[in-house]
Amino acid sequence: MSQGVEFNRLMLEMRSMQADAMARQKPVASTPEAGAPSFSEMFGQALGKVSENQQAASKLATAFEMGTSGVDLTDVMIAAQKSSVSMQAMTQVRNKLVQAYQDIMQMPV
């Protein structure tokens, strides 16, 4: 019986702490601050940059393969590495987002 009393007291303390925390929180704004980009805008811009890097690397590689003057192998390799690194970074961001979503979905309601 003492375990039941102890559990109830613990639950009351937790609810009290939760109520205090909720009272201290600022209200969540429904609109972002003026001038602040949203997450979706930032993510879209990052995807666009990855796409630009891949297209630039592809164009340089094609130009080098065709023998276009002024296109150096080092420039092609650097562009290819930039493209690869940006794609890997974007993949890691995506993986973190998916993991965060899965963690949230597994939380008890």
N, C-alpha and C. Protein backbone atom coordinates (compact mmCIF):
# COMPACT_ATOMS: atom_id res chain seq x y z
N MET A 1 0.81 -1.18 0.00
CA MET A 1 0.00 0.00 0.00
C MET A 1 0.86 1.26 0.00
N SER A 2 2.01 1.23 0.64
CA SER A 2 2.88 2.39 0.68
C SER A 2 3.44 2.72 -0.71
N GLN A 3 3.58 1.68 -1.57
CA GLN A 3 4.05 1.93 -2.93
C GLN A 3 3.01 2.73 -3.71
N GLY A 4 1.73 2.44 -3.52
CA GLY A 4 0.67 3.17 -4.19
C GLY A 4 0.64 4.62 -3.76
N VAL A 5 0.84 4.86 -2.47
CA VAL A 5 0.86 6.23 -1.95
C VAL A 5 2.07 6.97 -2.50
N GLU A 6 3.22 6.30 -2.54
CA GLU A 6 4.45 6.89 -3.06
C GLU A 6 4.28 7.23 -4.54
N PHE A 7 3.66 6.34 -5.31
CA PHE A 7 3.43 6.57 -6.73
C PHE A 7 2.51 7.77 -6.94
N ASN A 8 1.43 7.85 -6.15
CA ASN A 8 0.49 8.96 -6.28
C ASN A 8 1.16 10.29 -5.95
N ARG A 9 1.99 10.29 -4.91
CA ARG A 9 2.70 11.52 -4.54
C ARG A 9 3.66 11.95 -5.65
N LEU A 10 4.35 10.98 -6.25
CA LEU A 10 5.26 11.26 -7.35
C LEU A 10 4.50 11.82 -8.55
N MET A 11 3.36 11.25 -8.86
CA MET A 11 2.55 11.73 -9.98
C MET A 11 2.07 13.16 -9.73
N LEU A 12 1.67 13.46 -8.50
CA LEU A 12 1.23 14.82 -8.16
C LEU A 12 2.37 15.82 -8.33
N GLU A 13 3.56 15.45 -7.89
CA GLU A 13 4.72 16.32 -8.04
C GLU A 13 5.05 16.55 -9.50
N MET A 14 4.97 15.50 -10.31
CA MET A 14 5.25 15.63 -11.74
C MET A 14 4.23 16.55 -12.41
N ARG A 15 2.96 16.40 -12.06
CA ARG A 15 1.91 17.26 -12.63
C ARG A 15 2.12 18.70 -12.21
N SER A 16 2.52 18.90 -10.97
CA SER A 16 2.79 20.25 -10.48
C SER A 16 3.95 20.88 -11.26
N MET A 17 5.02 20.11 -11.47
CA MET A 17 6.16 20.60 -12.24
C MET A 17 5.76 20.89 -13.68
N GLN A 18 4.93 20.05 -14.25
CA GLN A 18 4.47 20.26 -15.62
C GLN A 18 3.66 21.56 -15.71
N ALA A 19 2.78 21.79 -14.74
CA ALA A 19 1.96 23.00 -14.74
C ALA A 19 2.85 24.24 -14.61
N ASP A 20 3.87 24.18 -13.76
CA ASP A 20 4.79 25.30 -13.61
C ASP A 20 5.53 25.58 -14.92
N ALA A 21 5.99 24.52 -15.57
CA ALA A 21 6.71 24.67 -16.84
C ALA A 21 5.81 25.25 -17.91
N MET A 22 4.56 24.80 -17.95
CA MET A 22 3.62 25.32 -18.95
C MET A 22 3.33 26.80 -18.70
N ALA A 23 3.26 27.20 -17.44
CA ALA A 23 2.98 28.59 -17.10
C ALA A 23 4.15 29.50 -17.48
N ARG A 24 5.37 28.98 -17.45
CA ARG A 24 6.56 29.78 -17.76
C ARG A 24 6.82 29.90 -19.25
N GLN A 25 6.26 29.01 -20.05
CA GLN A 25 6.52 29.03 -21.49
C GLN A 25 5.88 30.25 -22.12
N LYS A 26 6.57 30.79 -23.14
CA LYS A 26 6.00 31.86 -23.92
C LYS A 26 4.98 31.26 -24.87
N PRO A 27 3.95 32.00 -25.19
CA PRO A 27 3.00 31.47 -26.16
C PRO A 27 3.68 31.28 -27.51
N VAL A 28 3.32 30.20 -28.19
CA VAL A 28 3.91 29.89 -29.49
C VAL A 28 3.30 30.81 -30.53
N ALA A 29 4.13 31.50 -31.26
CA ALA A 29 3.66 32.40 -32.31
C ALA A 29 3.26 31.58 -33.53
N SER A 30 2.15 31.94 -34.11
CA SER A 30 1.68 31.19 -35.28
C SER A 30 2.38 31.64 -36.55
N THR A 31 2.97 32.82 -36.53
CA THR A 31 3.69 33.30 -37.71
C THR A 31 5.13 33.56 -37.34
N PRO A 32 6.06 33.28 -38.27
CA PRO A 32 7.47 33.55 -37.97
C PRO A 32 7.73 35.06 -37.93
N GLU A 33 8.83 35.41 -37.33
CA GLU A 33 9.21 36.82 -37.25
C GLU A 33 9.41 37.38 -38.65
N ALA A 34 9.17 38.67 -38.79
CA ALA A 34 9.32 39.31 -40.09
C ALA A 34 10.78 39.22 -40.53
N GLY A 35 10.99 38.77 -41.74
CA GLY A 35 12.33 38.66 -42.29
C GLY A 35 13.02 37.35 -42.00
N ALA A 36 12.51 36.56 -41.09
CA ALA A 36 13.12 35.27 -40.76
C ALA A 36 12.61 34.21 -41.73
N PRO A 37 13.51 33.52 -42.43
CA PRO A 37 13.05 32.49 -43.37
C PRO A 37 12.52 31.28 -42.63
N SER A 38 11.54 30.63 -43.21
CA SER A 38 11.00 29.43 -42.60
C SER A 38 11.93 28.25 -42.88
N PHE A 39 11.73 27.17 -42.14
CA PHE A 39 12.56 25.99 -42.33
C PHE A 39 12.40 25.44 -43.73
N SER A 40 11.18 25.42 -44.24
CA SER A 40 10.95 24.88 -45.58
C SER A 40 11.65 25.70 -46.64
N GLU A 41 11.69 27.04 -46.46
CA GLU A 41 12.41 27.89 -47.41
C GLU A 41 13.90 27.60 -47.38
N MET A 42 14.45 27.47 -46.17
CA MET A 42 15.88 27.20 -46.03
C MET A 42 16.24 25.84 -46.62
N PHE A 43 15.38 24.84 -46.36
CA PHE A 43 15.63 23.50 -46.88
C PHE A 43 15.54 23.50 -48.40
N GLY A 44 14.57 24.23 -48.95
CA GLY A 44 14.42 24.35 -50.40
C GLY A 44 15.64 25.02 -51.04
N GLN A 45 16.15 26.05 -50.39
CA GLN A 45 17.35 26.73 -50.89
C GLN A 45 18.55 25.79 -50.87
N ALA A 46 18.67 25.00 -49.81
CA ALA A 46 19.78 24.05 -49.72
C ALA A 46 19.68 23.00 -50.81
N LEU A 47 18.46 22.52 -51.08
CA LEU A 47 18.28 21.55 -52.17
C LEU A 47 18.63 22.17 -53.51
N GLY A 48 18.24 23.41 -53.70
CA GLY A 48 18.58 24.12 -54.93
C GLY A 48 20.09 24.25 -55.11
N LYS A 49 20.79 24.55 -54.03
CA LYS A 49 22.26 24.68 -54.09
C LYS A 49 22.91 23.34 -54.43
N VAL A 50 22.41 22.25 -53.85
CA VAL A 50 22.94 20.92 -54.18
C VAL A 50 22.73 20.63 -55.66
N SER A 51 21.55 20.95 -56.15
CA SER A 51 21.25 20.73 -57.57
C SER A 51 22.17 21.56 -58.46
N GLU A 52 22.38 22.82 -58.08
CA GLU A 52 23.29 23.68 -58.86
C GLU A 52 24.70 23.10 -58.88
N ASN A 53 25.18 22.62 -57.75
CA ASN A 53 26.52 22.04 -57.69
C ASN A 53 26.63 20.81 -58.60
N GLN A 54 25.60 19.98 -58.59
CA GLN A 54 25.62 18.79 -59.44
C GLN A 54 25.58 19.15 -60.91
N GLN A 55 24.78 20.13 -61.27
CA GLN A 55 24.70 20.55 -62.67
C GLN A 55 26.00 21.17 -63.13
N ALA A 56 26.62 22.00 -62.29
CA ALA A 56 27.90 22.62 -62.64
C ALA A 56 28.98 21.57 -62.84
N ALA A 57 29.02 20.57 -61.95
CA ALA A 57 30.01 19.51 -62.07
C ALA A 57 29.78 18.71 -63.35
N SER A 58 28.53 18.45 -63.66
CA SER A 58 28.21 17.69 -64.87
C SER A 58 28.60 18.47 -66.12
N LYS A 59 28.34 19.76 -66.13
CA LYS A 59 28.69 20.59 -67.30
C LYS A 59 30.20 20.65 -67.48
N LEU A 60 30.93 20.81 -66.37
CA LEU A 60 32.39 20.86 -66.47
C LEU A 60 32.95 19.53 -66.95
N ALA A 61 32.41 18.43 -66.45
CA ALA A 61 32.88 17.11 -66.88
C ALA A 61 32.62 16.90 -68.37
N THR A 62 31.44 17.29 -68.81
CA THR A 62 31.11 17.15 -70.23
C THR A 62 32.02 18.01 -71.09
N ALA A 63 32.26 19.25 -70.65
CA ALA A 63 33.15 20.14 -71.40
C ALA A 63 34.56 19.58 -71.47
N PHE A 64 35.04 19.00 -70.37
CA PHE A 64 36.38 18.42 -70.37
C PHE A 64 36.45 17.21 -71.30
N GLU A 65 35.41 16.37 -71.27
CA GLU A 65 35.38 15.19 -72.13
C GLU A 65 35.35 15.56 -73.60
N MET A 66 34.73 16.67 -73.92
CA MET A 66 34.64 17.11 -75.31
C MET A 66 35.89 17.87 -75.76
N GLY A 67 36.78 18.14 -74.82
CA GLY A 67 38.03 18.80 -75.17
C GLY A 67 37.92 20.30 -75.26
N THR A 68 36.97 20.88 -74.62
CA THR A 68 36.80 22.33 -74.64
C THR A 68 38.03 22.98 -74.01
N SER A 69 38.55 23.99 -74.71
CA SER A 69 39.74 24.66 -74.18
C SER A 69 39.38 25.49 -72.97
N GLY A 70 40.29 25.59 -72.02
CA GLY A 70 40.08 26.36 -70.81
C GLY A 70 39.48 25.55 -69.66
N VAL A 71 39.13 24.29 -69.94
CA VAL A 71 38.57 23.45 -68.87
C VAL A 71 39.68 22.53 -68.39
N ASP A 72 40.06 22.71 -67.16
CA ASP A 72 41.17 21.96 -66.57
C ASP A 72 40.62 20.78 -65.77
N LEU A 73 41.38 19.70 -65.75
CA LEU A 73 40.97 18.52 -65.01
C LEU A 73 40.81 18.81 -63.52
N THR A 74 41.67 19.66 -62.97
CA THR A 74 41.56 19.99 -61.55
C THR A 74 40.23 20.70 -61.24
N ASP A 75 39.80 21.58 -62.15
CA ASP A 75 38.51 22.25 -61.95
C ASP A 75 37.36 21.24 -61.97
N VAL A 76 37.45 20.27 -62.86
CA VAL A 76 36.43 19.23 -62.96
C VAL A 76 36.39 18.41 -61.68
N MET A 77 37.55 18.03 -61.19
CA MET A 77 37.61 17.21 -59.98
C MET A 77 37.13 17.98 -58.75
N ILE A 78 37.48 19.25 -58.65
CA ILE A 78 37.03 20.06 -57.52
C ILE A 78 35.51 20.21 -57.56
N ALA A 79 34.96 20.48 -58.75
CA ALA A 79 33.51 20.61 -58.88
C ALA A 79 32.81 19.30 -58.52
N ALA A 80 33.39 18.18 -58.93
CA ALA A 80 32.80 16.88 -58.62
C ALA A 80 32.84 16.63 -57.11
N GLN A 81 33.92 17.00 -56.45
CA GLN A 81 34.02 16.82 -55.00
C GLN A 81 33.05 17.73 -54.25
N LYS A 82 32.90 18.98 -54.72
CA LYS A 82 31.93 19.89 -54.10
C LYS A 82 30.53 19.30 -54.21
N SER A 83 30.23 18.78 -55.37
CA SER A 83 28.92 18.17 -55.61
C SER A 83 28.71 16.98 -54.68
N SER A 84 29.71 16.15 -54.56
CA SER A 84 29.62 14.96 -53.72
C SER A 84 29.45 15.33 -52.24
N VAL A 85 30.24 16.28 -51.77
CA VAL A 85 30.16 16.69 -50.37
C VAL A 85 28.81 17.33 -50.06
N SER A 86 28.31 18.17 -50.96
CA SER A 86 27.01 18.80 -50.70
C SER A 86 25.89 17.77 -50.70
N MET A 87 25.99 16.76 -51.56
CA MET A 87 24.97 15.71 -51.58
C MET A 87 25.03 14.87 -50.30
N GLN A 88 26.23 14.56 -49.84
CA GLN A 88 26.38 13.80 -48.60
C GLN A 88 25.84 14.58 -47.41
N ALA A 89 26.10 15.88 -47.38
CA ALA A 89 25.59 16.72 -46.28
C ALA A 89 24.07 16.75 -46.30
N MET A 90 23.49 16.90 -47.48
CA MET A 90 22.03 16.93 -47.59
C MET A 90 21.43 15.59 -47.18
N THR A 91 22.10 14.50 -47.53
CA THR A 91 21.62 13.18 -47.14
C THR A 91 21.65 13.03 -45.62
N GLN A 92 22.69 13.54 -44.97
CA GLN A 92 22.77 13.46 -43.52
C GLN A 92 21.67 14.29 -42.85
N VAL A 93 21.38 15.47 -43.42
CA VAL A 93 20.29 16.29 -42.89
C VAL A 93 18.96 15.55 -43.03
N ARG A 94 18.75 14.95 -44.18
CA ARG A 94 17.52 14.18 -44.40
C ARG A 94 17.42 13.03 -43.41
N ASN A 95 18.52 12.32 -43.21
CA ASN A 95 18.51 11.20 -42.26
C ASN A 95 18.18 11.67 -40.84
N LYS A 96 18.72 12.81 -40.44
CA LYS A 96 18.42 13.35 -39.11
C LYS A 96 16.95 13.74 -39.01
N LEU A 97 16.39 14.32 -40.06
CA LEU A 97 14.98 14.69 -40.04
C LEU A 97 14.08 13.46 -39.94
N VAL A 98 14.42 12.43 -40.69
CA VAL A 98 13.63 11.19 -40.65
C VAL A 98 13.74 10.56 -39.27
N GLN A 99 14.92 10.55 -38.69
CA GLN A 99 15.10 9.98 -37.35
C GLN A 99 14.31 10.77 -36.31
N ALA A 100 14.33 12.11 -36.42
CA ALA A 100 13.57 12.92 -35.48
C ALA A 100 12.07 12.66 -35.63
N TYR A 101 11.60 12.52 -36.85
CA TYR A 101 10.19 12.22 -37.09
C TYR A 101 9.82 10.87 -36.47
N GLN A 102 10.68 9.87 -36.68
CA GLN A 102 10.40 8.55 -36.13
C GLN A 102 10.41 8.57 -34.60
N ASP A 103 11.34 9.33 -34.01
CA ASP A 103 11.38 9.45 -32.56
C ASP A 103 10.11 10.09 -32.02
N ILE A 104 9.63 11.12 -32.70
CA ILE A 104 8.41 11.79 -32.26
C ILE A 104 7.21 10.86 -32.41
N MET A 105 7.16 10.11 -33.48
CA MET A 105 6.02 9.21 -33.70
C MET A 105 6.01 8.06 -32.69
N GLN A 106 7.14 7.71 -32.12
CA GLN A 106 7.21 6.63 -31.15
C GLN A 106 6.94 7.10 -29.72
N MET A 107 6.81 8.40 -29.54
CA MET A 107 6.54 8.92 -28.20
C MET A 107 5.12 8.55 -27.78
N PRO A 108 4.96 8.17 -26.53
CA PRO A 108 3.59 7.86 -26.06
C PRO A 108 2.77 9.14 -25.99
N VAL A 109 1.49 9.01 -26.28
CA VAL A 109 0.60 10.17 -26.28
C VAL A 109 0.05 10.46 -24.92
